[in-house]
Structure formats: C-alpha cells, structure tokens
Amino acid sequence: MNEWLILAILDAFFAALATIFAKIGLQNVDSMTATALRSIVMMFFAVGMML
C-alpha cells in the first residue's frame, strides 16, 4: 500500500476522533458555534505550522 494512502486513512480517522471528542466536550453549545470554534482553533494551528 502506498505511504500516502496510509497517511490519508490515518488523517481521516483522527479527524473523526477529534470531531467526536470536541462535540463531547461542547455538549451544551450550539453545533454551529462549536464548529466555528473548532475552525478557528484549526486555523491558528495551520498558521502556526506555516510560520
């Protein structure tokens, strides 16, 4: 199996886990607000990796 395919499958798996755990931690928050907060946090991580 190609290395990129293994990495893509692992990436999808961990993205799903992150979403599930984030939703568990934000049970009393509207889903749109929770999605916006996760997107903002991921944006900061992405910018931090580029610098």
N, C-alpha and C. Protein backbone atom coordinates (compact mmCIF):
# COMPACT_ATOMS: atom_id res chain seq x y z
N MET A 1 0.85 -1.18 0.00
CA MET A 1 0.00 0.00 0.00
C MET A 1 0.90 1.24 0.00
N ASN A 2 0.50 2.23 -0.75
CA ASN A 2 1.30 3.46 -0.81
C ASN A 2 1.30 4.18 0.52
N GLU A 3 2.41 4.82 0.82
CA GLU A 3 2.53 5.53 2.09
C GLU A 3 1.51 6.66 2.20
N TRP A 4 1.25 7.36 1.09
CA TRP A 4 0.30 8.48 1.14
C TRP A 4 -1.11 7.99 1.44
N LEU A 5 -1.45 6.79 1.00
CA LEU A 5 -2.78 6.25 1.26
C LEU A 5 -2.95 5.92 2.74
N ILE A 6 -1.93 5.35 3.33
CA ILE A 6 -1.96 5.05 4.77
C ILE A 6 -2.09 6.33 5.57
N LEU A 7 -1.32 7.35 5.20
CA LEU A 7 -1.39 8.63 5.90
C LEU A 7 -2.76 9.28 5.73
N ALA A 8 -3.35 9.17 4.56
CA ALA A 8 -4.68 9.75 4.33
C ALA A 8 -5.74 9.05 5.17
N ILE A 9 -5.65 7.73 5.28
CA ILE A 9 -6.61 6.98 6.09
C ILE A 9 -6.46 7.35 7.56
N LEU A 10 -5.23 7.42 8.03
CA LEU A 10 -4.99 7.82 9.42
C LEU A 10 -5.48 9.24 9.68
N ASP A 11 -5.26 10.13 8.74
CA ASP A 11 -5.72 11.51 8.87
C ASP A 11 -7.24 11.57 9.00
N ALA A 12 -7.94 10.83 8.17
CA ALA A 12 -9.41 10.81 8.24
C ALA A 12 -9.88 10.22 9.57
N PHE A 13 -9.22 9.18 10.03
CA PHE A 13 -9.59 8.56 11.30
C PHE A 13 -9.43 9.52 12.47
N PHE A 14 -8.27 10.19 12.55
CA PHE A 14 -8.03 11.11 13.65
C PHE A 14 -8.87 12.37 13.55
N ALA A 15 -9.22 12.79 12.35
CA ALA A 15 -10.13 13.93 12.19
C ALA A 15 -11.51 13.58 12.74
N ALA A 16 -11.95 12.37 12.47
CA ALA A 16 -13.24 11.93 13.01
C ALA A 16 -13.21 11.86 14.53
N LEU A 17 -12.12 11.33 15.09
CA LEU A 17 -11.99 11.28 16.54
C LEU A 17 -11.98 12.67 17.16
N ALA A 18 -11.27 13.59 16.53
CA ALA A 18 -11.21 14.96 17.06
C ALA A 18 -12.59 15.59 17.07
N THR A 19 -13.37 15.35 16.03
CA THR A 19 -14.72 15.90 15.96
C THR A 19 -15.61 15.31 17.05
N ILE A 20 -15.51 14.01 17.25
CA ILE A 20 -16.32 13.35 18.28
C ILE A 20 -15.95 13.86 19.66
N PHE A 21 -14.66 13.93 19.97
CA PHE A 21 -14.23 14.39 21.29
C PHE A 21 -14.56 15.86 21.51
N ALA A 22 -14.47 16.67 20.47
CA ALA A 22 -14.81 18.09 20.60
C ALA A 22 -16.30 18.24 20.87
N LYS A 23 -17.13 17.46 20.22
CA LYS A 23 -18.57 17.54 20.44
C LYS A 23 -18.94 17.07 21.84
N ILE A 24 -18.24 16.07 22.35
CA ILE A 24 -18.50 15.61 23.71
C ILE A 24 -18.16 16.72 24.70
N GLY A 25 -17.07 17.42 24.45
CA GLY A 25 -16.66 18.50 25.35
C GLY A 25 -17.53 19.73 25.25
N LEU A 26 -18.25 19.89 24.14
CA LEU A 26 -19.09 21.07 23.92
C LEU A 26 -20.56 20.67 23.83
N GLN A 27 -21.03 19.87 24.76
CA GLN A 27 -22.39 19.34 24.69
C GLN A 27 -23.46 20.42 24.81
N ASN A 28 -23.21 21.45 25.60
CA ASN A 28 -24.23 22.47 25.83
C ASN A 28 -24.10 23.66 24.89
N VAL A 29 -23.31 23.52 23.83
CA VAL A 29 -23.07 24.60 22.89
C VAL A 29 -23.75 24.24 21.57
N ASP A 30 -24.32 25.25 20.91
CA ASP A 30 -24.94 25.06 19.59
C ASP A 30 -23.92 24.47 18.62
N SER A 31 -24.37 23.61 17.73
CA SER A 31 -23.45 22.92 16.82
C SER A 31 -22.73 23.88 15.89
N MET A 32 -23.40 24.93 15.44
CA MET A 32 -22.74 25.91 14.56
C MET A 32 -21.64 26.66 15.31
N THR A 33 -21.90 27.01 16.56
CA THR A 33 -20.89 27.70 17.37
C THR A 33 -19.70 26.78 17.63
N ALA A 34 -19.97 25.52 17.93
CA ALA A 34 -18.90 24.56 18.17
C ALA A 34 -18.05 24.37 16.92
N THR A 35 -18.70 24.31 15.76
CA THR A 35 -17.96 24.16 14.50
C THR A 35 -17.11 25.38 14.23
N ALA A 36 -17.64 26.56 14.50
CA ALA A 36 -16.88 27.80 14.31
C ALA A 36 -15.67 27.84 15.23
N LEU A 37 -15.84 27.44 16.48
CA LEU A 37 -14.72 27.43 17.43
C LEU A 37 -13.64 26.45 16.98
N ARG A 38 -14.04 25.27 16.54
CA ARG A 38 -13.05 24.29 16.07
C ARG A 38 -12.32 24.80 14.84
N SER A 39 -13.05 25.47 13.96
CA SER A 39 -12.42 26.01 12.75
C SER A 39 -11.40 27.08 13.08
N ILE A 40 -11.72 27.93 14.04
CA ILE A 40 -10.79 28.99 14.44
C ILE A 40 -9.54 28.39 15.06
N VAL A 41 -9.71 27.40 15.93
CA VAL A 41 -8.55 26.76 16.55
C VAL A 41 -7.68 26.09 15.50
N MET A 42 -8.29 25.39 14.55
CA MET A 42 -7.52 24.74 13.49
C MET A 42 -6.81 25.75 12.60
N MET A 43 -7.43 26.92 12.37
CA MET A 43 -6.79 27.96 11.58
C MET A 43 -5.52 28.44 12.26
N PHE A 44 -5.58 28.64 13.58
CA PHE A 44 -4.39 29.08 14.31
C PHE A 44 -3.29 28.03 14.25
N PHE A 45 -3.65 26.75 14.36
CA PHE A 45 -2.65 25.69 14.25
C PHE A 45 -2.04 25.66 12.86
N ALA A 46 -2.86 25.84 11.84
CA ALA A 46 -2.35 25.81 10.46
C ALA A 46 -1.40 26.98 10.21
N VAL A 47 -1.78 28.17 10.68
CA VAL A 47 -0.91 29.34 10.52
C VAL A 47 0.39 29.13 11.30
N GLY A 48 0.29 28.57 12.50
CA GLY A 48 1.48 28.31 13.29
C GLY A 48 2.43 27.33 12.62
N MET A 49 1.89 26.36 11.91
CA MET A 49 2.74 25.40 11.22
C MET A 49 3.43 26.02 10.02
N MET A 50 2.80 27.01 9.41
CA MET A 50 3.39 27.65 8.23
C MET A 50 4.50 28.62 8.60
N LEU A 51 4.48 29.13 9.83
CA LEU A 51 5.49 30.11 10.24
C LEU A 51 6.78 29.47 10.66
